[in-house]
Protein backbone atom coordinates (compact mmCIF):
# COMPACT_ATOMS: atom_id res chain seq x y z
CA MET A 1 12.51 10.58 -14.97
CA ASN A 2 12.21 12.09 -18.41
CA ASN A 3 9.15 14.06 -19.52
CA THR A 4 7.98 11.35 -21.94
CA ARG A 5 7.76 8.80 -19.16
CA ARG A 6 6.19 11.31 -16.78
CA ASN A 7 3.50 12.14 -19.38
CA LYS A 8 2.67 8.45 -19.65
CA ARG A 9 1.92 8.44 -15.93
CA LYS A 10 -1.18 10.58 -16.32
CA LEU A 11 -4.75 9.59 -16.95
CA SER A 12 -7.21 11.68 -18.89
CA PRO A 13 -10.23 12.89 -16.90
CA GLU A 14 -12.28 10.12 -18.55
CA GLN A 15 -9.67 7.47 -17.68
CA SER A 16 -9.54 8.73 -14.07
CA GLU A 17 -13.22 8.01 -13.52
CA LYS A 18 -12.88 4.21 -13.64
CA PRO A 19 -10.29 3.72 -10.85
CA LEU A 20 -11.93 6.42 -8.72
CA ARG A 21 -15.31 4.70 -9.05
CA ALA A 22 -13.82 1.28 -8.19
CA VAL A 23 -11.85 2.55 -5.18
CA LYS A 24 -14.83 4.55 -3.91
CA ALA A 25 -17.09 1.47 -4.08
CA ARG A 26 -14.46 -0.57 -2.21
CA PHE A 27 -14.04 2.26 0.32
CA GLU A 28 -17.77 2.27 1.07
CA LYS A 29 -18.03 -1.53 1.16
CA ASN A 30 -15.05 -2.02 3.55
CA LYS A 31 -15.42 0.68 6.19
CA ASN A 32 -13.67 -1.56 8.74
CA ARG A 33 -10.38 -0.98 6.87
CA HIS A 34 -10.32 2.79 7.42
CA LYS A 35 -12.46 3.88 10.34
CA GLY A 36 -13.03 7.61 10.59
CA LEU A 37 -11.82 8.53 7.09
CA GLU A 38 -13.93 10.46 4.60
CA TRP A 39 -14.05 9.57 0.91
CA ALA A 40 -14.24 13.22 -0.23
CA LYS A 41 -10.81 13.93 1.32
CA VAL A 42 -9.30 10.78 -0.20
CA GLN A 43 -10.71 11.65 -3.63
CA ALA A 44 -9.43 15.23 -3.44
CA LYS A 45 -5.95 13.95 -2.61
CA LEU A 46 -6.04 11.51 -5.53
CA GLU A 47 -7.29 14.12 -7.99
CA ALA A 48 -4.50 16.49 -6.89
CA ASN A 49 -1.83 13.78 -7.45
CA THR A 50 -2.33 12.58 -11.02
CA GLU A 51 0.80 10.41 -11.03
CA LYS A 52 -0.40 8.62 -7.88
CA LEU A 53 -3.83 8.17 -9.44
CA TRP A 54 -2.06 6.58 -12.42
CA SER A 55 -0.29 4.18 -10.01
CA LEU A 56 -3.60 3.37 -8.33
CA ASN A 57 -5.03 2.59 -11.76
CA GLU A 58 -2.10 0.23 -12.40
CA MET A 59 -2.86 -1.54 -9.12
CA GLU A 60 -6.49 -1.87 -10.23
CA ARG A 61 -5.61 -2.91 -13.79
CA THR A 62 -3.40 -5.79 -12.60
CA GLY A 63 -6.05 -7.16 -10.21
CA GLY A 64 -4.85 -5.72 -6.91
CA GLU A 65 -8.19 -4.19 -5.89
CA PRO A 66 -6.49 -1.32 -4.01
CA GLY A 67 -8.18 -0.05 -0.90
CA VAL A 68 -7.56 2.65 1.69
CA VAL A 69 -6.11 1.04 4.83
CA GLY A 70 -4.91 4.06 6.77
CA HIS A 71 -3.98 7.70 7.08
CA ASP A 72 -0.56 8.99 8.16
CA LYS A 73 -1.33 11.96 10.38
CA LYS A 74 2.27 13.22 10.25
CA THR A 75 2.46 13.44 6.45
CA GLY A 76 -1.25 13.70 5.68
CA GLU A 77 -0.95 10.80 3.22
CA TYR A 78 -3.59 8.15 2.69
CA ILE A 79 -2.25 4.60 2.55
CA PHE A 80 -3.51 2.11 -0.03
CA TYR A 81 -2.74 -1.64 -0.10
CA ASP A 82 -3.71 -4.25 -2.65
CA CYS A 83 -6.75 -5.85 -1.02
CA SER A 84 -7.67 -8.55 -3.55
CA ALA A 85 -8.65 -11.80 -1.81
CA GLU A 86 -5.85 -13.66 -3.60
CA SER A 87 -2.55 -12.38 -4.99
CA PRO A 88 -3.16 -10.07 -7.97
CA LYS A 89 -3.69 -12.15 -11.12
CA GLY A 90 -1.95 -9.66 -13.41
CA ARG A 91 1.28 -9.95 -11.40
CA ARG A 92 1.68 -13.70 -10.96
CA SER A 93 4.44 -15.99 -12.22
CA VAL A 94 7.23 -13.49 -11.58
CA CYS A 95 10.52 -14.03 -9.78
CA TYR A 96 11.69 -11.61 -7.10
CA ASP A 97 14.05 -9.14 -8.84
CA ARG A 98 16.10 -8.45 -11.97
CA GLU A 99 19.20 -10.20 -10.62
CA ALA A 100 17.12 -13.34 -10.04
CA LEU A 101 15.56 -13.08 -13.50
CA GLU A 102 18.96 -12.75 -15.18
CA SER A 103 20.37 -15.69 -13.20
CA ARG A 104 17.87 -18.11 -14.75
CA LYS A 105 19.38 -20.01 -17.64
CA GLU A 106 16.06 -21.28 -19.03
CA HIS A 107 12.31 -21.05 -18.45
CA LYS A 108 12.59 -17.41 -17.49
CA PRO A 109 9.46 -15.66 -16.27
CA LYS A 110 8.33 -12.60 -18.22
CA ASN A 111 9.08 -10.19 -15.39
CA ASN A 112 10.09 -9.73 -11.77
CA ALA A 113 8.26 -8.27 -8.78
CA ILE A 114 10.68 -5.44 -7.92
CA ASP A 115 10.80 -4.00 -11.47
CA MET A 116 7.03 -4.36 -11.93
CA ALA A 117 6.34 -2.50 -8.67
CA ALA A 118 8.78 0.28 -9.60
CA ALA A 119 7.20 0.62 -13.05
CA MET A 120 3.78 0.91 -11.37
CA GLY A 121 5.04 3.53 -8.90
CA ILE A 122 4.27 1.36 -5.85
CA GLU A 123 6.24 -0.41 -3.11
CA ILE A 124 6.10 -4.14 -2.38
CA LEU A 125 4.59 -4.83 1.03
CA SER A 126 7.03 -5.54 3.84
CA GLU A 127 6.40 -8.38 6.29
CA GLU A 128 5.07 -5.88 8.82
CA GLN A 129 2.67 -4.34 6.26
CA TYR A 130 1.53 -7.80 5.17
CA ARG A 131 0.70 -8.69 8.76
CA GLU A 132 -1.23 -5.39 9.08
CA LEU A 133 -3.19 -6.28 5.94
CA GLN A 134 -4.09 -9.70 7.36
CA LYS A 135 -5.73 -7.99 10.36
CA LEU A 136 -8.27 -6.53 7.91
CA GLY A 137 -9.39 -9.87 6.44
CA ASP A 138 -8.14 -13.20 5.17
CA PHE A 139 -5.91 -12.66 2.14
CA ASP A 140 -3.86 -15.20 0.16
CA THR A 141 -5.68 -18.28 1.44
CA LYS A 142 -4.90 -20.10 -1.84
CA THR A 143 -2.02 -18.00 -3.21
CA SER A 144 1.10 -16.31 -1.85
CA SER A 145 2.80 -12.94 -2.22
CA TRP A 146 6.44 -11.91 -2.47
CA LEU A 147 7.46 -9.55 0.35
CA LYS A 148 10.14 -6.89 0.51
CA THR A 149 13.16 -8.98 1.38
CA PRO A 150 15.83 -7.88 3.86
CA SER A 151 19.18 -7.31 2.12
CA ASP A 152 21.03 -9.94 4.17
CA ILE A 153 18.62 -12.64 2.94
CA ARG A 154 18.71 -11.36 -0.63
CA GLU A 155 22.53 -11.29 -0.67
CA LEU A 156 22.47 -15.01 0.06
CA GLY A 157 20.20 -15.64 -2.95
CA GLY A 158 16.88 -15.87 -1.13
CA ALA A 159 13.66 -13.91 -1.01
CA ILE A 160 10.67 -14.09 1.32
CA PHE A 161 6.98 -14.53 0.63
CA ALA A 162 3.91 -15.07 2.75
CA ASP A 163 0.41 -16.48 2.77
CA PHE A 164 -2.48 -17.10 5.16
CA ARG A 165 -3.26 -20.70 6.14
CA TYR A 166 -4.80 -22.37 9.18
CA GLY A 167 -5.74 -19.01 10.68
CA ASN A 168 -2.13 -17.77 10.62
CA VAL A 169 0.26 -15.72 8.51
CA PHE A 170 3.20 -17.82 7.37
CA VAL A 171 6.38 -16.21 6.08
CA TYR A 172 8.63 -18.48 4.04
CA HIS A 173 11.74 -18.30 1.91
CA ASN A 174 12.55 -19.37 -1.62
CA GLY A 175 15.32 -18.83 -4.09
CA ALA A 176 14.71 -15.36 -5.52
CA GLU A 177 14.75 -16.81 -9.04
CA SER A 178 11.76 -19.07 -8.36
CA TYR A 179 8.30 -18.24 -9.65
CA TYR A 180 4.89 -19.85 -9.38
CA ALA A 181 1.50 -19.47 -11.01
CA ALA A 182 -0.03 -18.79 -7.58
CA ARG A 183 2.51 -16.19 -6.39
CA ALA A 184 2.47 -12.49 -7.16
CA PHE A 185 3.21 -9.45 -5.02
CA ARG A 186 1.06 -6.95 -3.17
CA GLY A 187 1.86 -3.28 -3.18
CA SER A 188 1.35 -0.14 -1.16
CA LEU A 189 0.84 3.40 -2.33
CA ARG A 190 0.94 6.59 -0.28
CA VAL A 191 -1.04 9.56 -1.61
């Protein structure tokens, strides 16, 4: 990554206050998502990793409502997932990846989930992570979210997505080039 791009991935101290305030409020409101964790330690980790704080701000800016959902004791990293009730509004109407976007002859969406996540510095949730998220609440009861798709499915032209209906997580498939107004993607960030 060149220095120009790296410099763009920093927030000024004033800009840093907004995402920190939002994530702190969510942290305090949703203690069931991260039992035993202390905000002061999470905040210190974020303030020491300005590029990760920038990514967290991107999650917030696009409607993901990122929240702390765990702590990896081996690496010391805090784990954030998009915890918005429905798929993030600022990431909807995108197909799965660049290959899918380029395969569309007409009515192309503006972007794709894989490139957007990479540009934000986050990872798209896997099926396993999505199921973990659903244990913390009911998410995507009216929308759906693209999931990290196994390569064997993607090589055949498909991609997977999930939602929560009838008290259950449903994982489905679609052509990777498809896109819908009610489908976005959820991301994870390790700090």
